[in-house]
Amino acid sequence: MVRRVKDEAGFNPRIMPNKKNVHVVKHGEDWAWRREGSSRVSGIAPTQADAIKGGRQASRAGKGELFIHRPDGRIRDRDSHGNDPTTSPG
């Protein structure tokens, strides 16, 4: 299933797949992972590394992307899962 994305100018011709993206974010003194669009966290961990492990499992299960945020909220890194094309020689 795909969904069309609208911007201020109207309809954007780009089509985005309906994937389950997961974000690793600072949550008080801890770190958490949550599905994109959800206000509730899926899990909480004491360290960012542990939250990345939990978030990676969730993003793989949903065949989405994992977005790892810095403590200030900016995206530090991202990782995609799913049907990535195979690389061809050359």
PDB file of N, CA and C in Angstrom:
ATOM      1  N   MET A   1       0.838  -1.168   0.000  1.00  0.00           N
ATOM      2  CA  MET A   1       0.000   0.000   0.000  1.00  0.00           C
ATOM      3  C   MET A   1       0.889   1.239   0.000  1.00  0.00           C
ATOM      4  N   VAL A   2       0.526   2.226  -0.782  1.00  0.00           N
ATOM      5  CA  VAL A   2       1.284   3.471  -0.824  1.00  0.00           C
ATOM      6  C   VAL A   2       0.368   4.628  -0.477  1.00  0.00           C
ATOM      7  N   ARG A   3       0.989   5.713  -0.058  1.00  0.00           N
ATOM      8  CA  ARG A   3       0.208   6.909   0.218  1.00  0.00           C
ATOM      9  C   ARG A   3       0.880   8.070  -0.484  1.00  0.00           C
ATOM     10  N   ARG A   4       0.098   8.992  -0.948  1.00  0.00           N
ATOM     11  CA  ARG A   4       0.641  10.172  -1.616  1.00  0.00           C
ATOM     12  C   ARG A   4       0.913  11.235  -0.571  1.00  0.00           C
ATOM     13  N   VAL A   5       1.957  11.980  -0.796  1.00  0.00           N
ATOM     14  CA  VAL A   5       2.353  13.013   0.145  1.00  0.00           C
ATOM     15  C   VAL A   5       1.998  14.365  -0.442  1.00  0.00           C
ATOM     16  N   LYS A   6       1.305  15.187   0.336  1.00  0.00           N
ATOM     17  CA  LYS A   6       0.958  16.531  -0.114  1.00  0.00           C
ATOM     18  C   LYS A   6       1.894  17.537   0.538  1.00  0.00           C
ATOM     19  N   ASP A   7       2.218  18.582  -0.224  1.00  0.00           N
ATOM     20  CA  ASP A   7       2.984  19.669   0.354  1.00  0.00           C
ATOM     21  C   ASP A   7       2.198  20.969   0.197  1.00  0.00           C
ATOM     22  N   GLU A   8       2.818  22.113   0.517  1.00  0.00           N
ATOM     23  CA  GLU A   8       2.103  23.388   0.474  1.00  0.00           C
ATOM     24  C   GLU A   8       1.608  23.720  -0.932  1.00  0.00           C
ATOM     25  N   ALA A   9       2.343  23.293  -1.931  1.00  0.00           N
ATOM     26  CA  ALA A   9       1.983  23.613  -3.310  1.00  0.00           C
ATOM     27  C   ALA A   9       0.897  22.697  -3.860  1.00  0.00           C
ATOM     28  N   GLY A  10       0.527  21.687  -3.134  1.00  0.00           N
ATOM     29  CA  GLY A  10      -0.490  20.756  -3.622  1.00  0.00           C
ATOM     30  C   GLY A  10       0.005  19.331  -3.566  1.00  0.00           C
ATOM     31  N   PHE A  11      -0.205  18.609  -4.646  1.00  0.00           N
ATOM     32  CA  PHE A  11       0.131  17.192  -4.670  1.00  0.00           C
ATOM     33  C   PHE A  11       1.575  16.983  -5.047  1.00  0.00           C
ATOM     34  N   ASN A  12       2.281  16.244  -4.260  1.00  0.00           N
ATOM     35  CA  ASN A  12       3.670  15.907  -4.536  1.00  0.00           C
ATOM     36  C   ASN A  12       3.675  14.606  -5.335  1.00  0.00           C
ATOM     37  N   PRO A  13       4.359  14.587  -6.478  1.00  0.00           N
ATOM     38  CA  PRO A  13       4.344  13.366  -7.288  1.00  0.00           C
ATOM     39  C   PRO A  13       5.095  12.199  -6.664  1.00  0.00           C
ATOM     40  N   ARG A  14       5.906  12.481  -5.653  1.00  0.00           N
ATOM     41  CA  ARG A  14       6.659  11.408  -4.998  1.00  0.00           C
ATOM     42  C   ARG A  14       5.699  10.508  -4.229  1.00  0.00           C
ATOM     43  N   ILE A  15       5.881   9.232  -4.338  1.00  0.00           N
ATOM     44  CA  ILE A  15       5.046   8.273  -3.618  1.00  0.00           C
ATOM     45  C   ILE A  15       5.901   7.628  -2.543  1.00  0.00           C
ATOM     46  N   MET A  16       5.400   7.630  -1.326  1.00  0.00           N
ATOM     47  CA  MET A  16       6.134   7.024  -0.216  1.00  0.00           C
ATOM     48  C   MET A  16       5.474   5.709   0.176  1.00  0.00           C
ATOM     49  N   PRO A  17       6.268   4.655   0.347  1.00  0.00           N
ATOM     50  CA  PRO A  17       5.675   3.408   0.825  1.00  0.00           C
ATOM     51  C   PRO A  17       5.201   3.559   2.266  1.00  0.00           C
ATOM     52  N   ASN A  18       4.169   2.830   2.604  1.00  0.00           N
ATOM     53  CA  ASN A  18       3.601   2.891   3.951  1.00  0.00           C
ATOM     54  C   ASN A  18       4.392   1.943   4.847  1.00  0.00           C
ATOM     55  N   LYS A  19       5.520   2.421   5.363  1.00  0.00           N
ATOM     56  CA  LYS A  19       6.383   1.595   6.204  1.00  0.00           C
ATOM     57  C   LYS A  19       6.241   2.008   7.652  1.00  0.00           C
ATOM     58  N   LYS A  20       6.745   1.198   8.518  1.00  0.00           N
ATOM     59  CA  LYS A  20       6.692   1.454   9.957  1.00  0.00           C
ATOM     60  C   LYS A  20       8.040   1.991  10.416  1.00  0.00           C
ATOM     61  N   ASN A  21       8.248   3.293  10.261  1.00  0.00           N
ATOM     62  CA  ASN A  21       9.496   3.913  10.693  1.00  0.00           C
ATOM     63  C   ASN A  21       9.533   4.012  12.207  1.00  0.00           C
ATOM     64  N   VAL A  22      10.739   3.904  12.760  1.00  0.00           N
ATOM     65  CA  VAL A  22      10.940   3.933  14.208  1.00  0.00           C
ATOM     66  C   VAL A  22      11.987   4.995  14.527  1.00  0.00           C
ATOM     67  N   HIS A  23      11.748   5.764  15.590  1.00  0.00           N
ATOM     68  CA  HIS A  23      12.661   6.818  16.016  1.00  0.00           C
ATOM     69  C   HIS A  23      13.199   6.498  17.406  1.00  0.00           C
ATOM     70  N   VAL A  24      14.525   6.625  17.575  1.00  0.00           N
ATOM     71  CA  VAL A  24      15.165   6.504  18.889  1.00  0.00           C
ATOM     72  C   VAL A  24      15.378   7.926  19.385  1.00  0.00           C
ATOM     73  N   VAL A  25      14.765   8.253  20.535  1.00  0.00           N
ATOM     74  CA  VAL A  25      14.764   9.625  21.047  1.00  0.00           C
ATOM     75  C   VAL A  25      15.101   9.650  22.534  1.00  0.00           C
ATOM     76  N   LYS A  26      15.577  10.800  22.990  1.00  0.00           N
ATOM     77  CA  LYS A  26      15.833  11.011  24.421  1.00  0.00           C
ATOM     78  C   LYS A  26      14.482  11.066  25.125  1.00  0.00           C
ATOM     79  N   HIS A  27      14.393  10.410  26.285  1.00  0.00           N
ATOM     80  CA  HIS A  27      13.125  10.322  27.023  1.00  0.00           C
ATOM     81  C   HIS A  27      13.446  10.550  28.499  1.00  0.00           C
ATOM     82  N   GLY A  28      13.449  11.820  28.913  1.00  0.00           N
ATOM     83  CA  GLY A  28      13.871  12.135  30.276  1.00  0.00           C
ATOM     84  C   GLY A  28      15.348  11.837  30.419  1.00  0.00           C
ATOM     85  N   GLU A  29      15.700  11.039  31.417  1.00  0.00           N
ATOM     86  CA  GLU A  29      17.095  10.621  31.603  1.00  0.00           C
ATOM     87  C   GLU A  29      17.429   9.379  30.788  1.00  0.00           C
ATOM     88  N   ASP A  30      16.421   8.729  30.224  1.00  0.00           N
ATOM     89  CA  ASP A  30      16.597   7.489  29.465  1.00  0.00           C
ATOM     90  C   ASP A  30      16.486   7.754  27.971  1.00  0.00           C
ATOM     91  N   TRP A  31      16.494   6.678  27.208  1.00  0.00           N
ATOM     92  CA  TRP A  31      16.285   6.702  25.763  1.00  0.00           C
ATOM     93  C   TRP A  31      15.100   5.802  25.445  1.00  0.00           C
ATOM     94  N   ALA A  32      14.379   6.125  24.381  1.00  0.00           N
ATOM     95  CA  ALA A  32      13.197   5.344  24.016  1.00  0.00           C
ATOM     96  C   ALA A  32      13.135   5.181  22.505  1.00  0.00           C
ATOM     97  N   TRP A  33      12.348   4.219  22.062  1.00  0.00           N
ATOM     98  CA  TRP A  33      12.040   4.089  20.645  1.00  0.00           C
ATOM     99  C   TRP A  33      10.533   4.119  20.503  1.00  0.00           C
ATOM    100  N   ARG A  34      10.087   4.740  19.392  1.00  0.00           N
ATOM    101  CA  ARG A  34       8.654   4.856  19.131  1.00  0.00           C
ATOM    102  C   ARG A  34       8.411   4.817  17.632  1.00  0.00           C
ATOM    103  N   ARG A  35       7.244   4.316  17.274  1.00  0.00           N
ATOM    104  CA  ARG A  35       6.862   4.280  15.866  1.00  0.00           C
ATOM    105  C   ARG A  35       6.514   5.687  15.403  1.00  0.00           C
ATOM    106  N   GLU A  36       6.838   5.979  14.169  1.00  0.00           N
ATOM    107  CA  GLU A  36       6.553   7.290  13.603  1.00  0.00           C
ATOM    108  C   GLU A  36       5.057   7.571  13.649  1.00  0.00           C
ATOM    109  N   GLY A  37       4.691   8.752  14.111  1.00  0.00           N
ATOM    110  CA  GLY A  37       3.294   9.147  14.199  1.00  0.00           C
ATOM    111  C   GLY A  37       2.649   8.806  15.520  1.00  0.00           C
ATOM    112  N   SER A  38       3.329   8.032  16.350  1.00  0.00           N
ATOM    113  CA  SER A  38       2.775   7.640  17.644  1.00  0.00           C
ATOM    114  C   SER A  38       3.277   8.587  18.727  1.00  0.00           C
ATOM    115  N   SER A  39       2.393   8.943  19.637  1.00  0.00           N
ATOM    116  CA  SER A  39       2.810   9.791  20.754  1.00  0.00           C
ATOM    117  C   SER A  39       3.349   8.946  21.909  1.00  0.00           C
ATOM    118  N   ARG A  40       3.057   7.657  21.910  1.00  0.00           N
ATOM    119  CA  ARG A  40       3.513   6.761  22.981  1.00  0.00           C
ATOM    120  C   ARG A  40       4.785   6.046  22.556  1.00  0.00           C
ATOM    121  N   VAL A  41       5.668   5.818  23.519  1.00  0.00           N
ATOM    122  CA  VAL A  41       6.898   5.092  23.219  1.00  0.00           C
ATOM    123  C   VAL A  41       6.624   3.592  23.216  1.00  0.00           C
ATOM    124  N   SER A  42       7.405   2.878  22.416  1.00  0.00           N
ATOM    125  CA  SER A  42       7.281   1.419  22.359  1.00  0.00           C
ATOM    126  C   SER A  42       8.127   0.748  23.419  1.00  0.00           C
ATOM    127  N   GLY A  43       9.236   1.401  23.801  1.00  0.00           N
ATOM    128  CA  GLY A  43      10.116   0.838  24.813  1.00  0.00           C
ATOM    129  C   GLY A  43      11.074   1.886  25.336  1.00  0.00           C
ATOM    130  N   ILE A  44      11.596   1.645  26.529  1.00  0.00           N
ATOM    131  CA  ILE A  44      12.524   2.563  27.179  1.00  0.00           C
ATOM    132  C   ILE A  44      13.769   1.779  27.578  1.00  0.00           C
ATOM    133  N   ALA A  45      14.940   2.409  27.404  1.00  0.00           N
ATOM    134  CA  ALA A  45      16.213   1.782  27.766  1.00  0.00           C
ATOM    135  C   ALA A  45      17.094   2.813  28.470  1.00  0.00           C
ATOM    136  N   PRO A  46      18.019   2.348  29.317  1.00  0.00           N
ATOM    137  CA  PRO A  46      18.873   3.290  30.045  1.00  0.00           C
ATOM    138  C   PRO A  46      19.930   3.966  29.172  1.00  0.00           C
ATOM    139  N   THR A  47      20.312   3.329  28.058  1.00  0.00           N
ATOM    140  CA  THR A  47      21.338   3.908  27.190  1.00  0.00           C
ATOM    141  C   THR A  47      20.822   4.008  25.762  1.00  0.00           C
ATOM    142  N   GLN A  48      21.454   4.889  24.985  1.00  0.00           N
ATOM    143  CA  GLN A  48      21.069   5.018  23.591  1.00  0.00           C
ATOM    144  C   GLN A  48      21.369   3.726  22.835  1.00  0.00           C
ATOM    145  N   ALA A  49      22.474   3.072  23.148  1.00  0.00           N
ATOM    146  CA  ALA A  49      22.838   1.821  22.473  1.00  0.00           C
ATOM    147  C   ALA A  49      21.766   0.752  22.676  1.00  0.00           C
ATOM    148  N   ASP A  50      21.245   0.642  23.893  1.00  0.00           N
ATOM    149  CA  ASP A  50      20.180  -0.335  24.159  1.00  0.00           C
ATOM    150  C   ASP A  50      18.896   0.042  23.431  1.00  0.00           C
ATOM    151  N   ALA A  51      18.595   1.336  23.373  1.00  0.00           N
ATOM    152  CA  ALA A  51      17.391   1.785  22.663  1.00  0.00           C
ATOM    153  C   ALA A  51      17.523   1.539  21.164  1.00  0.00           C
ATOM    154  N   ILE A  52      18.726   1.688  20.638  1.00  0.00           N
ATOM    155  CA  ILE A  52      18.949   1.413  19.218  1.00  0.00           C
ATOM    156  C   ILE A  52      18.690  -0.058  18.924  1.00  0.00           C
ATOM    157  N   LYS A  53      19.125  -0.949  19.807  1.00  0.00           N
ATOM    158  CA  LYS A  53      18.863  -2.386  19.620  1.00  0.00           C
ATOM    159  C   LYS A  53      17.366  -2.663  19.564  1.00  0.00           C
ATOM    160  N   GLY A  54      16.612  -2.094  20.510  1.00  0.00           N
ATOM    161  CA  GLY A  54      15.161  -2.288  20.521  1.00  0.00           C
ATOM    162  C   GLY A  54      14.493  -1.660  19.315  1.00  0.00           C
ATOM    163  N   GLY A  55      14.930  -0.463  18.953  1.00  0.00           N
ATOM    164  CA  GLY A  55      14.370   0.217  17.789  1.00  0.00           C
ATOM    165  C   GLY A  55      14.675  -0.501  16.496  1.00  0.00           C
ATOM    166  N   ARG A  56      15.874  -1.066  16.413  1.00  0.00           N
ATOM    167  CA  ARG A  56      16.260  -1.798  15.203  1.00  0.00           C
ATOM    168  C   ARG A  56      15.375  -3.037  15.021  1.00  0.00           C
ATOM    169  N   GLN A  57      15.086  -3.743  16.098  1.00  0.00           N
ATOM    170  CA  GLN A  57      14.190  -4.909  16.006  1.00  0.00           C
ATOM    171  C   GLN A  57      12.809  -4.479  15.520  1.00  0.00           C
ATOM    172  N   ALA A  58      12.301  -3.369  16.065  1.00  0.00           N
ATOM    173  CA  ALA A  58      10.972  -2.892  15.679  1.00  0.00           C
ATOM    174  C   ALA A  58      10.947  -2.423  14.226  1.00  0.00           C
ATOM    175  N   SER A  59      11.989  -1.735  13.778  1.00  0.00           N
ATOM    176  CA  SER A  59      11.999  -1.251  12.399  1.00  0.00           C
ATOM    177  C   SER A  59      12.179  -2.397  11.410  1.00  0.00           C
ATOM    178  N   ARG A  60      12.933  -3.418  11.782  1.00  0.00           N
ATOM    179  CA  ARG A  60      13.066  -4.591  10.913  1.00  0.00           C
ATOM    180  C   ARG A  60      11.736  -5.318  10.782  1.00  0.00           C
ATOM    181  N   ALA A  61      11.038  -5.456  11.896  1.00  0.00           N
ATOM    182  CA  ALA A  61       9.742  -6.148  11.871  1.00  0.00           C
ATOM    183  C   ALA A  61       8.749  -5.407  10.981  1.00  0.00           C
ATOM    184  N   GLY A  62       8.812  -4.080  10.990  1.00  0.00           N
ATOM    185  CA  GLY A  62       7.906  -3.282  10.165  1.00  0.00           C
ATOM    186  C   GLY A  62       8.453  -2.965   8.794  1.00  0.00           C
ATOM    187  N   LYS A  63       9.682  -3.429   8.497  1.00  0.00           N
ATOM    188  CA  LYS A  63      10.356  -3.155   7.229  1.00  0.00           C
ATOM    189  C   LYS A  63      10.392  -1.657   6.949  1.00  0.00           C
ATOM    190  N   GLY A  64      10.694  -0.907   7.993  1.00  0.00           N
ATOM    191  CA  GLY A  64      10.780   0.544   7.862  1.00  0.00           C
ATOM    192  C   GLY A  64      12.192   1.031   8.086  1.00  0.00           C
ATOM    193  N   GLU A  65      12.309   2.318   8.382  1.00  0.00           N
ATOM    194  CA  GLU A  65      13.610   2.913   8.653  1.00  0.00           C
ATOM    195  C   GLU A  65      13.760   3.198  10.131  1.00  0.00           C
ATOM    196  N   LEU A  66      14.994   3.169  10.587  1.00  0.00           N
ATOM    197  CA  LEU A  66      15.320   3.517  11.965  1.00  0.00           C
ATOM    198  C   LEU A  66      16.000   4.880  11.943  1.00  0.00           C
ATOM    199  N   PHE A  67      15.438   5.849  12.676  1.00  0.00           N
ATOM    200  CA  PHE A  67      16.003   7.189  12.794  1.00  0.00           C
ATOM    201  C   PHE A  67      16.567   7.333  14.200  1.00  0.00           C
ATOM    202  N   ILE A  68      17.854   7.607  14.296  1.00  0.00           N
ATOM    203  CA  ILE A  68      18.513   7.761  15.593  1.00  0.00           C
ATOM    204  C   ILE A  68      18.744   9.250  15.821  1.00  0.00           C
ATOM    205  N   HIS A  69      18.162   9.773  16.896  1.00  0.00           N
ATOM    206  CA  HIS A  69      18.240  11.198  17.189  1.00  0.00           C
ATOM    207  C   HIS A  69      19.319  11.486  18.222  1.00  0.00           C
ATOM    208  N   ARG A  70      19.882  12.688  18.150  1.00  0.00           N
ATOM    209  CA  ARG A  70      20.807  13.192  19.166  1.00  0.00           C
ATOM    210  C   ARG A  70      19.985  13.653  20.368  1.00  0.00           C
ATOM    211  N   PRO A  71      20.627  13.917  21.511  1.00  0.00           N
ATOM    212  CA  PRO A  71      19.877  14.410  22.676  1.00  0.00           C
ATOM    213  C   PRO A  71      19.116  15.712  22.398  1.00  0.00           C
ATOM    214  N   ASP A  72      19.624  16.529  21.442  1.00  0.00           N
ATOM    215  CA  ASP A  72      18.938  17.785  21.120  1.00  0.00           C
ATOM    216  C   ASP A  72      17.801  17.603  20.122  1.00  0.00           C
ATOM    217  N   GLY A  73      17.555  16.366  19.670  1.00  0.00           N
ATOM    218  CA  GLY A  73      16.442  16.076  18.778  1.00  0.00           C
ATOM    219  C   GLY A  73      16.809  15.968  17.311  1.00  0.00           C
ATOM    220  N   ARG A  74      17.989  16.446  16.925  1.00  0.00           N
ATOM    221  CA  ARG A  74      18.391  16.341  15.525  1.00  0.00           C
ATOM    222  C   ARG A  74      18.703  14.890  15.175  1.00  0.00           C
ATOM    223  N   ILE A  75      18.481  14.529  13.908  1.00  0.00           N
ATOM    224  CA  ILE A  75      18.761  13.163  13.464  1.00  0.00           C
ATOM    225  C   ILE A  75      20.267  12.988  13.328  1.00  0.00           C
ATOM    226  N   ARG A  76      20.782  11.972  13.997  1.00  0.00           N
ATOM    227  CA  ARG A  76      22.209  11.648  13.993  1.00  0.00           C
ATOM    228  C   ARG A  76      22.532  10.643  12.907  1.00  0.00           C
ATOM    229  N   ASP A  77      21.627   9.662  12.726  1.00  0.00           N
ATOM    230  CA  ASP A  77      21.879   8.567  11.795  1.00  0.00           C
ATOM    231  C   ASP A  77      20.550   7.940  11.420  1.00  0.00           C
ATOM    232  N   ARG A  78      20.554   7.200  10.327  1.00  0.00           N
ATOM    233  CA  ARG A  78      19.364   6.444   9.935  1.00  0.00           C
ATOM    234  C   ARG A  78      19.782   5.146   9.279  1.00  0.00           C
ATOM    235  N   ASP A  79      18.902   4.172   9.378  1.00  0.00           N
ATOM    236  CA  ASP A  79      19.196   2.837   8.877  1.00  0.00           C
ATOM    237  C   ASP A  79      17.914   2.290   8.268  1.00  0.00           C
ATOM    238  N   SER A  80      18.000   1.770   7.056  1.00  0.00           N
ATOM    239  CA  SER A  80      16.797   1.243   6.411  1.00  0.00           C
ATOM    240  C   SER A  80      16.811  -0.279   6.426  1.00  0.00           C
ATOM    241  N   HIS A  81      15.630  -0.843   6.422  1.00  0.00           N
ATOM    242  CA  HIS A  81      15.448  -2.297   6.402  1.00  0.00           C
ATOM    243  C   HIS A  81      14.381  -2.600   5.369  1.00  0.00           C
ATOM    244  N   GLY A  82      14.413  -3.771   4.837  1.00  0.00           N
ATOM    245  CA  GLY A  82      13.388  -4.154   3.876  1.00  0.00           C
ATOM    246  C   GLY A  82      14.014  -4.651   2.597  1.00  0.00           C
ATOM    247  N   ASN A  83      13.396  -4.326   1.498  1.00  0.00           N
ATOM    248  CA  ASN A  83      13.810  -4.837   0.202  1.00  0.00           C
ATOM    249  C   ASN A  83      14.746  -3.860  -0.492  1.00  0.00           C
ATOM    250  N   ASP A  84      15.956  -3.712   0.039  1.00  0.00           N
ATOM    251  CA  ASP A  84      16.944  -2.866  -0.606  1.00  0.00           C
ATOM    252  C   ASP A  84      17.412  -3.557  -1.880  1.00  0.00           C
ATOM    253  N   PRO A  85      17.634  -2.787  -2.953  1.00  0.00           N
ATOM    254  CA  PRO A  85      18.102  -3.418  -4.188  1.00  0.00           C
ATOM    255  C   PRO A  85      19.509  -3.975  -4.002  1.00  0.00           C
ATOM    256  N   THR A  86      19.777  -5.061  -4.701  1.00  0.00           N
ATOM    257  CA  THR A  86      21.113  -5.640  -4.626  1.00  0.00           C
ATOM    258  C   THR A  86      22.070  -4.759  -5.417  1.00  0.00           C
ATOM    259  N   THR A  87      23.294  -4.703  -4.981  1.00  0.00           N
ATOM    260  CA  THR A  87      24.278  -3.890  -5.693  1.00  0.00           C
ATOM    261  C   THR A  87      24.785  -4.663  -6.893  1.00  0.00           C
ATOM    262  N   SER A  88      25.001  -3.943  -7.974  1.00  0.00           N
ATOM    263  CA  SER A  88      25.521  -4.593  -9.172  1.00  0.00           C
ATOM    264  C   SER A  88      26.965  -4.152  -9.386  1.00  0.00           C
ATOM    265  N   PRO A  89      27.793  -5.039  -9.918  1.00  0.00           N
ATOM    266  CA  PRO A  89      29.188  -4.662 -10.140  1.00  0.00           C
ATOM    267  C   PRO A  89      29.289  -3.560 -11.186  1.00  0.00           C
ATOM    268  N   GLY A  90      30.266  -2.698 -11.004  1.00  0.00           N
ATOM    269  CA  GLY A  90      30.497  -1.670 -12.015  1.00  0.00           C
ATOM    270  C   GLY A  90      30.363  -0.360 -11.508  1.00  0.00           C
TER     271      GLY A  90
END
